[in-house]
Amino acid sequence: MNTGENGRGVASRWYPETLIRRLKLIETLRHNIEFVEGDAFLLIERFLHRPDVVFFIDPPYTAGNGKRAGRRLYRHNEVDHERLFSLLSQASGLVLMTYDDCPEVIRLANMHGFRIERVAMKNTHHEKKFELLISNTGITA
């Protein structure tokens, strides 16, 4: 993990108590989760046609001409967003992606038949902004 926003690491994005609660929940599901380090596109291609596989993609936010927060937060931040959307549009299983709310991402999602839900967020400066949940199925809260 990089140093996060303002050099504060994990503390810059989550409250510690919330993070602990989430990690404990993940721990109960650990046998159903596999983390793989490597080229995400190769991994997606490998599991693309399996209906029992769920893809959760949270790429660095570098699409479009917005703030491009991914560049300052992640060492490996270059993503072929067009290829990502094209590939995931062929997935047999469920797909959920999070993205920044920008016209380029909305264009890609619409072009590839994804559903989009805008979600209100607050950044570290407590400013209200929106992010996108993008899925190949309906999204419910």
Protein backbone atom coordinates (compact mmCIF):
# COMPACT_ATOMS: atom_id res chain seq x y z
CA MET A 1 0.00 0.00 0.00
CA ASN A 2 1.24 3.44 -0.82
CA THR A 3 1.32 6.19 1.81
CA GLY A 4 -2.27 7.28 1.16
CA GLU A 5 -3.53 10.83 1.17
CA ASN A 6 -1.31 13.35 2.93
CA GLY A 7 1.08 10.57 3.97
CA ARG A 8 -1.39 9.19 6.53
CA GLY A 9 -1.73 5.70 5.02
CA VAL A 10 -4.82 3.72 5.93
CA ALA A 11 -5.90 6.36 8.46
CA SER A 12 -6.54 8.77 5.60
CA ARG A 13 -9.40 6.71 4.17
CA TRP A 14 -11.15 4.80 6.99
CA TYR A 15 -11.97 5.10 10.63
CA PRO A 16 -9.95 2.46 12.52
CA GLU A 17 -13.03 0.99 14.26
CA THR A 18 -14.84 0.56 10.94
CA LEU A 19 -11.77 -1.02 9.39
CA ILE A 20 -11.44 -3.49 12.28
CA ARG A 21 -15.12 -4.48 11.99
CA ARG A 22 -14.78 -5.00 8.23
CA LEU A 23 -11.60 -7.04 8.58
CA LYS A 24 -13.27 -9.31 11.15
CA LEU A 25 -16.15 -9.90 8.73
CA ILE A 26 -13.75 -10.65 5.89
CA GLU A 27 -11.91 -13.07 8.17
CA THR A 28 -15.10 -15.16 8.48
CA LEU A 29 -15.30 -15.33 4.67
CA ARG A 30 -11.60 -15.94 4.06
CA HIS A 31 -12.08 -19.44 2.60
CA ASN A 32 -14.18 -17.97 -0.22
CA ILE A 33 -11.74 -15.19 -1.13
CA GLU A 34 -8.57 -15.42 -3.16
CA PHE A 35 -6.13 -12.54 -3.54
CA VAL A 36 -3.84 -12.72 -6.54
CA GLU A 37 -0.90 -10.45 -7.29
CA GLY A 38 -0.25 -9.96 -10.97
CA ASP A 39 -1.73 -8.71 -14.21
CA ALA A 40 -5.44 -8.12 -13.60
CA PHE A 41 -6.29 -8.50 -17.28
CA LEU A 42 -4.82 -12.01 -17.41
CA LEU A 43 -6.77 -12.96 -14.30
CA ILE A 44 -10.03 -11.55 -15.70
CA GLU A 45 -9.51 -13.44 -18.96
CA ARG A 46 -8.86 -16.66 -17.02
CA PHE A 47 -12.17 -16.46 -15.10
CA LEU A 48 -14.27 -14.47 -17.56
CA HIS A 49 -16.66 -17.25 -18.57
CA ARG A 50 -17.24 -18.73 -15.11
CA PRO A 51 -20.69 -17.79 -13.76
CA ASP A 52 -19.59 -18.62 -10.19
CA VAL A 53 -16.92 -15.90 -10.17
CA VAL A 54 -17.65 -12.38 -8.91
CA PHE A 55 -15.44 -9.56 -10.14
CA PHE A 56 -14.99 -6.58 -7.82
CA ILE A 57 -12.85 -3.99 -9.56
CA ASP A 58 -11.69 -0.80 -7.84
CA PRO A 59 -9.16 0.60 -10.30
CA PRO A 60 -7.04 3.69 -9.79
CA TYR A 61 -9.20 6.67 -10.75
CA THR A 62 -7.27 7.81 -13.81
CA ALA A 63 -9.95 7.86 -16.52
CA GLY A 64 -11.06 11.12 -18.10
CA ASN A 65 -9.65 14.54 -17.35
CA GLY A 66 -10.72 14.90 -13.72
CA LYS A 67 -8.54 14.98 -10.59
CA ARG A 68 -7.09 11.57 -11.38
CA ALA A 69 -6.58 10.71 -7.71
CA GLY A 70 -5.16 7.32 -8.65
CA ARG A 71 -1.93 8.90 -9.84
CA ARG A 72 -1.05 10.27 -6.44
CA LEU A 73 -2.30 7.26 -4.44
CA TYR A 74 -0.91 4.26 -6.32
CA ARG A 75 2.48 3.37 -7.71
CA HIS A 76 0.91 1.28 -10.51
CA ASN A 77 -1.83 3.57 -11.76
CA GLU A 78 -1.97 3.22 -15.55
CA VAL A 79 -5.09 1.30 -16.63
CA ASP A 80 -6.49 0.62 -20.09
CA HIS A 81 -10.04 1.57 -19.07
CA GLU A 82 -11.48 0.84 -22.53
CA ARG A 83 -10.05 -2.69 -22.44
CA LEU A 84 -11.27 -3.21 -18.86
CA PHE A 85 -14.87 -2.29 -19.73
CA SER A 86 -14.78 -4.29 -22.97
CA LEU A 87 -13.46 -7.40 -21.24
CA LEU A 88 -15.81 -7.24 -18.25
CA SER A 89 -18.83 -6.74 -20.51
CA GLN A 90 -18.28 -10.38 -21.54
CA ALA A 91 -18.26 -11.74 -17.97
CA SER A 92 -20.59 -14.63 -17.18
CA GLY A 93 -20.46 -13.87 -13.47
CA LEU A 94 -21.33 -10.75 -11.54
CA VAL A 95 -19.33 -7.56 -12.03
CA LEU A 96 -19.14 -4.60 -9.65
CA MET A 97 -16.77 -1.71 -10.28
CA THR A 98 -16.22 1.52 -8.41
CA TYR A 99 -15.10 4.58 -10.35
CA ASP A 100 -14.90 8.33 -10.13
CA ASP A 101 -17.89 10.20 -11.54
CA CYS A 102 -16.62 11.54 -14.85
CA PRO A 103 -18.04 11.68 -18.39
CA GLU A 104 -15.45 9.27 -19.82
CA VAL A 105 -16.35 6.53 -17.32
CA ILE A 106 -20.08 7.05 -17.89
CA ARG A 107 -19.49 6.84 -21.66
CA LEU A 108 -17.55 3.57 -21.32
CA ALA A 109 -20.14 2.05 -18.99
CA ASN A 110 -23.03 2.95 -21.29
CA MET A 111 -21.17 1.80 -24.40
CA HIS A 112 -20.59 -1.63 -22.86
CA GLY A 113 -24.08 -2.12 -21.40
CA PHE A 114 -23.34 -1.62 -17.71
CA ARG A 115 -25.71 -0.14 -15.16
CA ILE A 116 -24.59 2.94 -13.26
CA GLU A 117 -25.51 4.19 -9.79
CA ARG A 118 -24.17 7.49 -8.44
CA VAL A 119 -23.27 7.34 -4.75
CA ALA A 120 -22.65 10.41 -2.57
CA MET A 121 -19.32 10.38 -0.76
CA LYS A 122 -17.28 12.76 1.37
CA ASN A 123 -13.58 13.19 0.75
CA THR A 124 -10.94 13.79 3.41
CA HIS A 125 -11.83 17.50 3.34
CA HIS A 126 -15.50 16.61 4.05
CA GLU A 127 -16.53 17.89 0.63
CA LYS A 128 -19.48 16.06 -0.90
CA LYS A 129 -18.68 14.36 -4.19
CA PHE A 130 -20.02 11.42 -6.17
CA GLU A 131 -18.51 8.11 -7.16
CA LEU A 132 -20.01 5.50 -9.44
CA LEU A 133 -21.03 1.91 -8.79
CA ILE A 134 -21.03 0.13 -12.12
CA SER A 135 -22.50 -3.34 -12.53
CA ASN A 136 -23.74 -5.85 -15.06
CA THR A 137 -26.83 -6.36 -12.85
CA GLY A 138 -29.10 -4.07 -10.88
CA ILE A 139 -27.58 -2.45 -7.83
CA THR A 140 -29.61 -2.30 -4.64
CA ALA A 141 -28.70 -0.76 -1.32
